[in-house]
């Protein structure tokens, strides 16, 4: 299976991501099927943290960025466009 990407089609709000509080993933954000065990089409992990980096000072070196990178934030398929091949 190969790594695929898609974009969110509407805003997705997480009320409390891993104790950090609410996070809003904007429409148009990039998601991927890449997991630690290889590609899996059942997952849509948020990949582009640019929007949150603009709003959170020190985000580049933060634990939040670490957790988003290594634990991921899975977005339901209903919030995403179909996979791009």
PDB file of N, CA and C in Angstrom:
ATOM      1  N   UNK A   1       0.850  -1.171   0.000  1.00  0.00           N
ATOM      2  CA  UNK A   1       0.000   0.000   0.000  1.00  0.00           C
ATOM      3  C   UNK A   1       0.904   1.244   0.000  1.00  0.00           C
ATOM      4  N   UNK A   2       0.472   2.279  -0.697  1.00  0.00           N
ATOM      5  CA  UNK A   2       1.294   3.483  -0.769  1.00  0.00           C
ATOM      6  C   UNK A   2       0.722   4.611   0.095  1.00  0.00           C
ATOM      7  N   UNK A   3       1.588   5.566   0.412  1.00  0.00           N
ATOM      8  CA  UNK A   3       1.179   6.730   1.203  1.00  0.00           C
ATOM      9  C   UNK A   3       0.313   7.623   0.322  1.00  0.00           C
ATOM     10  N   UNK A   4      -0.825   8.054   0.876  1.00  0.00           N
ATOM     11  CA  UNK A   4      -1.767   8.907   0.155  1.00  0.00           C
ATOM     12  C   UNK A   4      -2.039  10.162   0.976  1.00  0.00           C
ATOM     13  N   UNK A   5      -2.513  11.190   0.294  1.00  0.00           N
ATOM     14  CA  UNK A   5      -2.902  12.419   0.978  1.00  0.00           C
ATOM     15  C   UNK A   5      -4.299  12.836   0.537  1.00  0.00           C
ATOM     16  N   UNK A   6      -4.886  13.694   1.329  1.00  0.00           N
ATOM     17  CA  UNK A   6      -6.189  14.302   1.024  1.00  0.00           C
ATOM     18  C   UNK A   6      -6.237  15.616   1.790  1.00  0.00           C
ATOM     19  N   UNK A   7      -7.328  16.343   1.647  1.00  0.00           N
ATOM     20  CA  UNK A   7      -7.524  17.592   2.385  1.00  0.00           C
ATOM     21  C   UNK A   7      -8.846  17.518   3.142  1.00  0.00           C
ATOM     22  N   UNK A   8      -8.896  18.237   4.243  1.00  0.00           N
ATOM     23  CA  UNK A   8     -10.163  18.323   4.967  1.00  0.00           C
ATOM     24  C   UNK A   8     -11.111  19.212   4.169  1.00  0.00           C
ATOM     25  N   UNK A   9     -12.397  18.877   4.210  1.00  0.00           N
ATOM     26  CA  UNK A   9     -13.392  19.652   3.460  1.00  0.00           C
ATOM     27  C   UNK A   9     -14.178  20.598   4.365  1.00  0.00           C
ATOM     28  N   UNK A  10     -14.016  20.413   5.668  1.00  0.00           N
ATOM     29  CA  UNK A  10     -14.648  21.323   6.623  1.00  0.00           C
ATOM     30  C   UNK A  10     -13.828  21.324   7.912  1.00  0.00           C
ATOM     31  N   UNK A  11     -14.031  22.351   8.700  1.00  0.00           N
ATOM     32  CA  UNK A  11     -13.318  22.495   9.963  1.00  0.00           C
ATOM     33  C   UNK A  11     -13.647  21.331  10.896  1.00  0.00           C
ATOM     34  N   UNK A  12     -12.634  20.859  11.629  1.00  0.00           N
ATOM     35  CA  UNK A  12     -12.818  19.785  12.604  1.00  0.00           C
ATOM     36  C   UNK A  12     -12.287  20.267  13.951  1.00  0.00           C
ATOM     37  N   UNK A  13     -13.101  20.163  14.973  1.00  0.00           N
ATOM     38  CA  UNK A  13     -12.722  20.641  16.310  1.00  0.00           C
ATOM     39  C   UNK A  13     -12.536  19.459  17.259  1.00  0.00           C
ATOM     40  N   UNK A  14     -11.403  19.467  17.959  1.00  0.00           N
ATOM     41  CA  UNK A  14     -11.114  18.490  19.000  1.00  0.00           C
ATOM     42  C   UNK A  14     -11.198  19.239  20.316  1.00  0.00           C
ATOM     43  N   UNK A  15     -12.052  18.782  21.209  1.00  0.00           N
ATOM     44  CA  UNK A  15     -12.290  19.518  22.463  1.00  0.00           C
ATOM     45  C   UNK A  15     -11.093  19.532  23.404  1.00  0.00           C
ATOM     46  N   UNK A  16     -10.355  18.433  23.502  1.00  0.00           N
ATOM     47  CA  UNK A  16      -9.222  18.392  24.418  1.00  0.00           C
ATOM     48  C   UNK A  16      -8.206  17.375  23.912  1.00  0.00           C
ATOM     49  N   UNK A  17      -7.305  17.804  23.063  1.00  0.00           N
ATOM     50  CA  UNK A  17      -6.287  16.905  22.506  1.00  0.00           C
ATOM     51  C   UNK A  17      -5.189  16.657  23.533  1.00  0.00           C
ATOM     52  N   UNK A  18      -5.117  15.454  24.066  1.00  0.00           N
ATOM     53  CA  UNK A  18      -4.069  14.995  24.975  1.00  0.00           C
ATOM     54  C   UNK A  18      -3.783  15.984  26.118  1.00  0.00           C
ATOM     55  N   UNK A  19      -4.829  16.656  26.601  1.00  0.00           N
ATOM     56  CA  UNK A  19      -4.677  17.577  27.713  1.00  0.00           C
ATOM     57  C   UNK A  19      -4.239  18.987  27.333  1.00  0.00           C
ATOM     58  N   UNK A  20      -4.065  19.258  26.055  1.00  0.00           N
ATOM     59  CA  UNK A  20      -3.640  20.593  25.602  1.00  0.00           C
ATOM     60  C   UNK A  20      -4.804  21.561  25.469  1.00  0.00           C
ATOM     61  N   UNK A  21      -6.013  21.067  25.503  1.00  0.00           N
ATOM     62  CA  UNK A  21      -7.176  21.920  25.298  1.00  0.00           C
ATOM     63  C   UNK A  21      -7.682  21.790  23.872  1.00  0.00           C
ATOM     64  N   UNK A  22      -8.581  22.679  23.481  1.00  0.00           N
ATOM     65  CA  UNK A  22      -9.199  22.558  22.163  1.00  0.00           C
ATOM     66  C   UNK A  22      -8.231  22.883  21.022  1.00  0.00           C
ATOM     67  N   UNK A  23      -8.390  22.145  19.930  1.00  0.00           N
ATOM     68  CA  UNK A  23      -7.640  22.394  18.694  1.00  0.00           C
ATOM     69  C   UNK A  23      -8.651  22.389  17.564  1.00  0.00           C
ATOM     70  N   UNK A  24      -8.522  23.359  16.681  1.00  0.00           N
ATOM     71  CA  UNK A  24      -9.388  23.433  15.503  1.00  0.00           C
ATOM     72  C   UNK A  24      -8.535  23.204  14.266  1.00  0.00           C
ATOM     73  N   UNK A  25      -8.868  22.162  13.507  1.00  0.00           N
ATOM     74  CA  UNK A  25      -8.173  21.868  12.259  1.00  0.00           C
ATOM     75  C   UNK A  25      -8.968  22.540  11.147  1.00  0.00           C
ATOM     76  N   UNK A  26      -8.377  23.505  10.458  1.00  0.00           N
ATOM     77  CA  UNK A  26      -9.129  24.257   9.450  1.00  0.00           C
ATOM     78  C   UNK A  26      -9.437  23.435   8.201  1.00  0.00           C
ATOM     79  N   UNK A  27     -10.503  23.811   7.515  1.00  0.00           N
ATOM     80  CA  UNK A  27     -10.805  23.208   6.212  1.00  0.00           C
ATOM     81  C   UNK A  27      -9.622  23.454   5.295  1.00  0.00           C
ATOM     82  N   UNK A  28      -9.306  22.463   4.471  1.00  0.00           N
ATOM     83  CA  UNK A  28      -8.187  22.574   3.538  1.00  0.00           C
ATOM     84  C   UNK A  28      -6.876  22.053   4.087  1.00  0.00           C
ATOM     85  N   UNK A  29      -6.871  21.558   5.329  1.00  0.00           N
ATOM     86  CA  UNK A  29      -5.658  21.006   5.917  1.00  0.00           C
ATOM     87  C   UNK A  29      -5.319  19.662   5.278  1.00  0.00           C
ATOM     88  N   UNK A  30      -4.035  19.353   5.232  1.00  0.00           N
ATOM     89  CA  UNK A  30      -3.573  18.104   4.614  1.00  0.00           C
ATOM     90  C   UNK A  30      -3.614  16.969   5.636  1.00  0.00           C
ATOM     91  N   UNK A  31      -4.130  15.824   5.202  1.00  0.00           N
ATOM     92  CA  UNK A  31      -4.113  14.596   6.003  1.00  0.00           C
ATOM     93  C   UNK A  31      -3.428  13.504   5.188  1.00  0.00           C
ATOM     94  N   UNK A  32      -2.922  12.488   5.890  1.00  0.00           N
ATOM     95  CA  UNK A  32      -2.248  11.379   5.219  1.00  0.00           C
ATOM     96  C   UNK A  32      -2.634  10.059   5.880  1.00  0.00           C
ATOM     97  N   UNK A  33      -2.412   8.978   5.160  1.00  0.00           N
ATOM     98  CA  UNK A  33      -2.681   7.645   5.693  1.00  0.00           C
ATOM     99  C   UNK A  33      -1.426   7.022   6.302  1.00  0.00           C
ATOM    100  N   UNK A  34      -0.366   7.799   6.448  1.00  0.00           N
ATOM    101  CA  UNK A  34       0.897   7.294   6.985  1.00  0.00           C
ATOM    102  C   UNK A  34       0.775   7.055   8.487  1.00  0.00           C
ATOM    103  N   UNK A  35       1.108   5.829   8.925  1.00  0.00           N
ATOM    104  CA  UNK A  35       1.127   5.480  10.347  1.00  0.00           C
ATOM    105  C   UNK A  35       2.513   4.942  10.691  1.00  0.00           C
ATOM    106  N   UNK A  36       2.758   4.679  11.960  1.00  0.00           N
ATOM    107  CA  UNK A  36       4.040   4.120  12.389  1.00  0.00           C
ATOM    108  C   UNK A  36       4.271   2.725  11.815  1.00  0.00           C
ATOM    109  N   UNK A  37       3.188   2.040  11.459  1.00  0.00           N
ATOM    110  CA  UNK A  37       3.291   0.683  10.926  1.00  0.00           C
ATOM    111  C   UNK A  37       3.139   0.642   9.405  1.00  0.00           C
ATOM    112  N   UNK A  38       3.200   1.796   8.775  1.00  0.00           N
ATOM    113  CA  UNK A  38       3.040   1.868   7.329  1.00  0.00           C
ATOM    114  C   UNK A  38       1.689   2.470   6.966  1.00  0.00           C
ATOM    115  N   UNK A  39       1.438   2.665   5.671  1.00  0.00           N
ATOM    116  CA  UNK A  39       0.188   3.274   5.224  1.00  0.00           C
ATOM    117  C   UNK A  39      -1.037   2.440   5.606  1.00  0.00           C
ATOM    118  N   UNK A  40      -2.091   3.109   6.025  1.00  0.00           N
ATOM    119  CA  UNK A  40      -3.351   2.448   6.384  1.00  0.00           C
ATOM    120  C   UNK A  40      -4.483   3.401   6.028  1.00  0.00           C
ATOM    121  N   UNK A  41      -5.310   3.018   5.050  1.00  0.00           N
ATOM    122  CA  UNK A  41      -6.381   3.887   4.565  1.00  0.00           C
ATOM    123  C   UNK A  41      -7.483   4.153   5.587  1.00  0.00           C
ATOM    124  N   UNK A  42      -7.441   3.491   6.748  1.00  0.00           N
ATOM    125  CA  UNK A  42      -8.435   3.734   7.789  1.00  0.00           C
ATOM    126  C   UNK A  42      -8.109   4.957   8.636  1.00  0.00           C
ATOM    127  N   UNK A  43      -6.925   5.539   8.442  1.00  0.00           N
ATOM    128  CA  UNK A  43      -6.496   6.696   9.223  1.00  0.00           C
ATOM    129  C   UNK A  43      -6.284   7.902   8.326  1.00  0.00           C
ATOM    130  N   UNK A  44      -6.587   9.064   8.886  1.00  0.00           N
ATOM    131  CA  UNK A  44      -6.367  10.343   8.208  1.00  0.00           C
ATOM    132  C   UNK A  44      -5.726  11.287   9.222  1.00  0.00           C
ATOM    133  N   UNK A  45      -4.405  11.214   9.303  1.00  0.00           N
ATOM    134  CA  UNK A  45      -3.677  12.001  10.286  1.00  0.00           C
ATOM    135  C   UNK A  45      -3.347  13.385   9.739  1.00  0.00           C
ATOM    136  N   UNK A  46      -3.606  14.397  10.553  1.00  0.00           N
ATOM    137  CA  UNK A  46      -3.325  15.790  10.203  1.00  0.00           C
ATOM    138  C   UNK A  46      -1.825  15.978  10.034  1.00  0.00           C
ATOM    139  N   UNK A  47      -1.400  16.615   8.933  1.00  0.00           N
ATOM    140  CA  UNK A  47       0.013  16.761   8.631  1.00  0.00           C
ATOM    141  C   UNK A  47       0.546  18.186   8.630  1.00  0.00           C
ATOM    142  N   UNK A  48      -0.226  19.137   8.188  1.00  0.00           N
ATOM    143  CA  UNK A  48       0.302  20.503   8.074  1.00  0.00           C
ATOM    144  C   UNK A  48      -0.110  21.348   9.275  1.00  0.00           C
ATOM    145  N   UNK A  49       0.856  21.606  10.109  1.00  0.00           N
ATOM    146  CA  UNK A  49       0.598  22.341  11.347  1.00  0.00           C
ATOM    147  C   UNK A  49       0.822  23.844  11.172  1.00  0.00           C
ATOM    148  N   UNK A  50       0.923  24.337   9.948  1.00  0.00           N
ATOM    149  CA  UNK A  50       1.243  25.743   9.686  1.00  0.00           C
ATOM    150  C   UNK A  50       0.268  26.704  10.352  1.00  0.00           C
ATOM    151  N   UNK A  51      -1.015  26.407  10.307  1.00  0.00           N
ATOM    152  CA  UNK A  51      -2.018  27.311  10.870  1.00  0.00           C
ATOM    153  C   UNK A  51      -1.864  27.444  12.383  1.00  0.00           C
ATOM    154  N   UNK A  52      -1.622  26.335  13.063  1.00  0.00           N
ATOM    155  CA  UNK A  52      -1.478  26.387  14.519  1.00  0.00           C
ATOM    156  C   UNK A  52      -0.150  27.033  14.896  1.00  0.00           C
ATOM    157  N   UNK A  53       0.878  26.836  14.088  1.00  0.00           N
ATOM    158  CA  UNK A  53       2.193  27.425  14.372  1.00  0.00           C
ATOM    159  C   UNK A  53       2.127  28.946  14.353  1.00  0.00           C
ATOM    160  N   UNK A  54       1.238  29.504  13.533  1.00  0.00           N
ATOM    161  CA  UNK A  54       1.079  30.958  13.463  1.00  0.00           C
ATOM    162  C   UNK A  54       0.447  31.521  14.741  1.00  0.00           C
ATOM    163  N   UNK A  55      -0.326  30.704  15.445  1.00  0.00           N
ATOM    164  CA  UNK A  55      -1.089  31.174  16.602  1.00  0.00           C
ATOM    165  C   UNK A  55      -0.435  30.846  17.944  1.00  0.00           C
ATOM    166  N   UNK A  56       0.468  29.865  17.970  1.00  0.00           N
ATOM    167  CA  UNK A  56       1.052  29.414  19.231  1.00  0.00           C
ATOM    168  C   UNK A  56       2.537  29.750  19.247  1.00  0.00           C
ATOM    169  N   UNK A  57       2.944  30.651  20.128  1.00  0.00           N
ATOM    170  CA  UNK A  57       4.360  31.007  20.184  1.00  0.00           C
ATOM    171  C   UNK A  57       5.152  29.823  20.741  1.00  0.00           C
ATOM    172  N   UNK A  58       6.301  29.568  20.155  1.00  0.00           N
ATOM    173  CA  UNK A  58       7.146  28.453  20.573  1.00  0.00           C
ATOM    174  C   UNK A  58       6.673  27.099  20.089  1.00  0.00           C
ATOM    175  N   UNK A  59       5.717  27.073  19.162  1.00  0.00           N
ATOM    176  CA  UNK A  59       5.145  25.804  18.709  1.00  0.00           C
ATOM    177  C   UNK A  59       6.192  24.887  18.101  1.00  0.00           C
ATOM    178  N   UNK A  60       7.140  25.451  17.361  1.00  0.00           N
ATOM    179  CA  UNK A  60       8.139  24.636  16.656  1.00  0.00           C
ATOM    180  C   UNK A  60       8.851  23.659  17.583  1.00  0.00           C
ATOM    181  N   UNK A  61       9.156  24.088  18.795  1.00  0.00           N
ATOM    182  CA  UNK A  61       9.880  23.242  19.750  1.00  0.00           C
ATOM    183  C   UNK A  61       9.006  22.753  20.899  1.00  0.00           C
ATOM    184  N   UNK A  62       7.706  22.725  20.701  1.00  0.00           N
ATOM    185  CA  UNK A  62       6.788  22.409  21.801  1.00  0.00           C
ATOM    186  C   UNK A  62       6.463  20.919  21.910  1.00  0.00           C
ATOM    187  N   UNK A  63       5.960  20.550  23.090  1.00  0.00           N
ATOM    188  CA  UNK A  63       5.475  19.184  23.281  1.00  0.00           C
ATOM    189  C   UNK A  63       4.230  18.922  22.445  1.00  0.00           C
ATOM    190  N   UNK A  64       3.415  19.958  22.221  1.00  0.00           N
ATOM    191  CA  UNK A  64       2.237  19.798  21.370  1.00  0.00           C
ATOM    192  C   UNK A  64       2.657  19.375  19.966  1.00  0.00           C
ATOM    193  N   UNK A  65       3.647  20.027  19.405  1.00  0.00           N
ATOM    194  CA  UNK A  65       4.127  19.635  18.067  1.00  0.00           C
ATOM    195  C   UNK A  65       4.662  18.196  18.091  1.00  0.00           C
ATOM    196  N   UNK A  66       5.387  17.848  19.130  1.00  0.00           N
ATOM    197  CA  UNK A  66       5.887  16.480  19.273  1.00  0.00           C
ATOM    198  C   UNK A  66       4.730  15.483  19.267  1.00  0.00           C
ATOM    199  N   UNK A  67       3.711  15.745  20.071  1.00  0.00           N
ATOM    200  CA  UNK A  67       2.593  14.816  20.158  1.00  0.00           C
ATOM    201  C   UNK A  67       1.812  14.731  18.846  1.00  0.00           C
ATOM    202  N   UNK A  68       1.623  15.858  18.174  1.00  0.00           N
ATOM    203  CA  UNK A  68       0.945  15.825  16.876  1.00  0.00           C
ATOM    204  C   UNK A  68       1.756  15.026  15.857  1.00  0.00           C
ATOM    205  N   UNK A  69       3.074  15.146  15.920  1.00  0.00           N
ATOM    206  CA  UNK A  69       3.951  14.439  14.981  1.00  0.00           C
ATOM    207  C   UNK A  69       4.001  12.947  15.273  1.00  0.00           C
ATOM    208  N   UNK A  70       4.176  12.568  16.544  1.00  0.00           N
ATOM    209  CA  UNK A  70       4.431  11.165  16.876  1.00  0.00           C
ATOM    210  C   UNK A  70       3.204  10.377  17.321  1.00  0.00           C
ATOM    211  N   UNK A  71       2.194  11.040  17.873  1.00  0.00           N
ATOM    212  CA  UNK A  71       0.952  10.352  18.227  1.00  0.00           C
ATOM    213  C   UNK A  71      -0.107  10.556  17.154  1.00  0.00           C
ATOM    214  N   UNK A  72      -0.070  11.703  16.506  1.00  0.00           N
ATOM    215  CA  UNK A  72      -1.016  12.010  15.441  1.00  0.00           C
ATOM    216  C   UNK A  72      -2.360  12.486  15.965  1.00  0.00           C
ATOM    217  N   UNK A  73      -3.102  13.068  15.051  1.00  0.00           N
ATOM    218  CA  UNK A  73      -4.461  13.484  15.338  1.00  0.00           C
ATOM    219  C   UNK A  73      -5.295  13.001  14.159  1.00  0.00           C
ATOM    220  N   UNK A  74      -6.053  11.950  14.388  1.00  0.00           N
ATOM    221  CA  UNK A  74      -6.842  11.315  13.330  1.00  0.00           C
ATOM    222  C   UNK A  74      -8.136  12.093  13.111  1.00  0.00           C
ATOM    223  N   UNK A  75      -8.432  12.407  11.867  1.00  0.00           N
ATOM    224  CA  UNK A  75      -9.628  13.161  11.503  1.00  0.00           C
ATOM    225  C   UNK A  75     -10.615  12.210  10.827  1.00  0.00           C
ATOM    226  N   UNK A  76     -11.877  12.219  11.240  1.00  0.00           N
ATOM    227  CA  UNK A  76     -12.857  11.316  10.635  1.00  0.00           C
ATOM    228  C   UNK A  76     -12.960  11.500   9.115  1.00  0.00           C
ATOM    229  N   UNK A  77     -13.191  10.410   8.417  1.00  0.00           N
ATOM    230  CA  UNK A  77     -13.288  10.432   6.954  1.00  0.00           C
ATOM    231  C   UNK A  77     -14.371  11.389   6.463  1.00  0.00           C
ATOM    232  N   UNK A  78     -15.418  11.576   7.247  1.00  0.00           N
ATOM    233  CA  UNK A  78     -16.518  12.449   6.827  1.00  0.00           C
ATOM    234  C   UNK A  78     -16.095  13.922   6.742  1.00  0.00           C
ATOM    235  N   UNK A  79     -14.962  14.255   7.310  1.00  0.00           N
ATOM    236  CA  UNK A  79     -14.432  15.623   7.251  1.00  0.00           C
ATOM    237  C   UNK A  79     -13.391  15.789   6.141  1.00  0.00           C
ATOM    238  N   UNK A  80     -13.142  14.734   5.365  1.00  0.00           N
ATOM    239  CA  UNK A  80     -12.067  14.744   4.372  1.00  0.00           C
ATOM    240  C   UNK A  80     -12.553  14.387   2.976  1.00  0.00           C
ATOM    241  N   UNK A  81     -11.835  14.894   1.988  1.00  0.00           N
ATOM    242  CA  UNK A  81     -12.098  14.503   0.606  1.00  0.00           C
ATOM    243  C   UNK A  81     -11.572  13.082   0.389  1.00  0.00           C
ATOM    244  N   UNK A  82     -11.917  12.437  -0.724  1.00  0.00           N
ATOM    245  CA  UNK A  82     -11.358  11.119  -1.024  1.00  0.00           C
ATOM    246  C   UNK A  82      -9.833  11.189  -1.174  1.00  0.00           C
ATOM    247  N   UNK A  83      -9.186  10.051  -0.983  1.00  0.00           N
ATOM    248  CA  UNK A  83      -7.730   9.976  -1.119  1.00  0.00           C
ATOM    249  C   UNK A  83      -7.305  10.380  -2.539  1.00  0.00           C
ATOM    250  N   UNK A  84      -6.177  11.067  -2.610  1.00  0.00           N
ATOM    251  CA  UNK A  84      -5.527  11.359  -3.900  1.00  0.00           C
ATOM    252  C   UNK A  84      -4.495  10.287  -4.130  1.00  0.00           C
ATOM    253  N   UNK A  85      -4.439   9.755  -5.307  1.00  0.00           N
ATOM    254  CA  UNK A  85      -3.429   8.715  -5.607  1.00  0.00           C
ATOM    255  C   UNK A  85      -2.156   9.312  -6.147  1.00  0.00           C
TER     256      UNK A  85
END
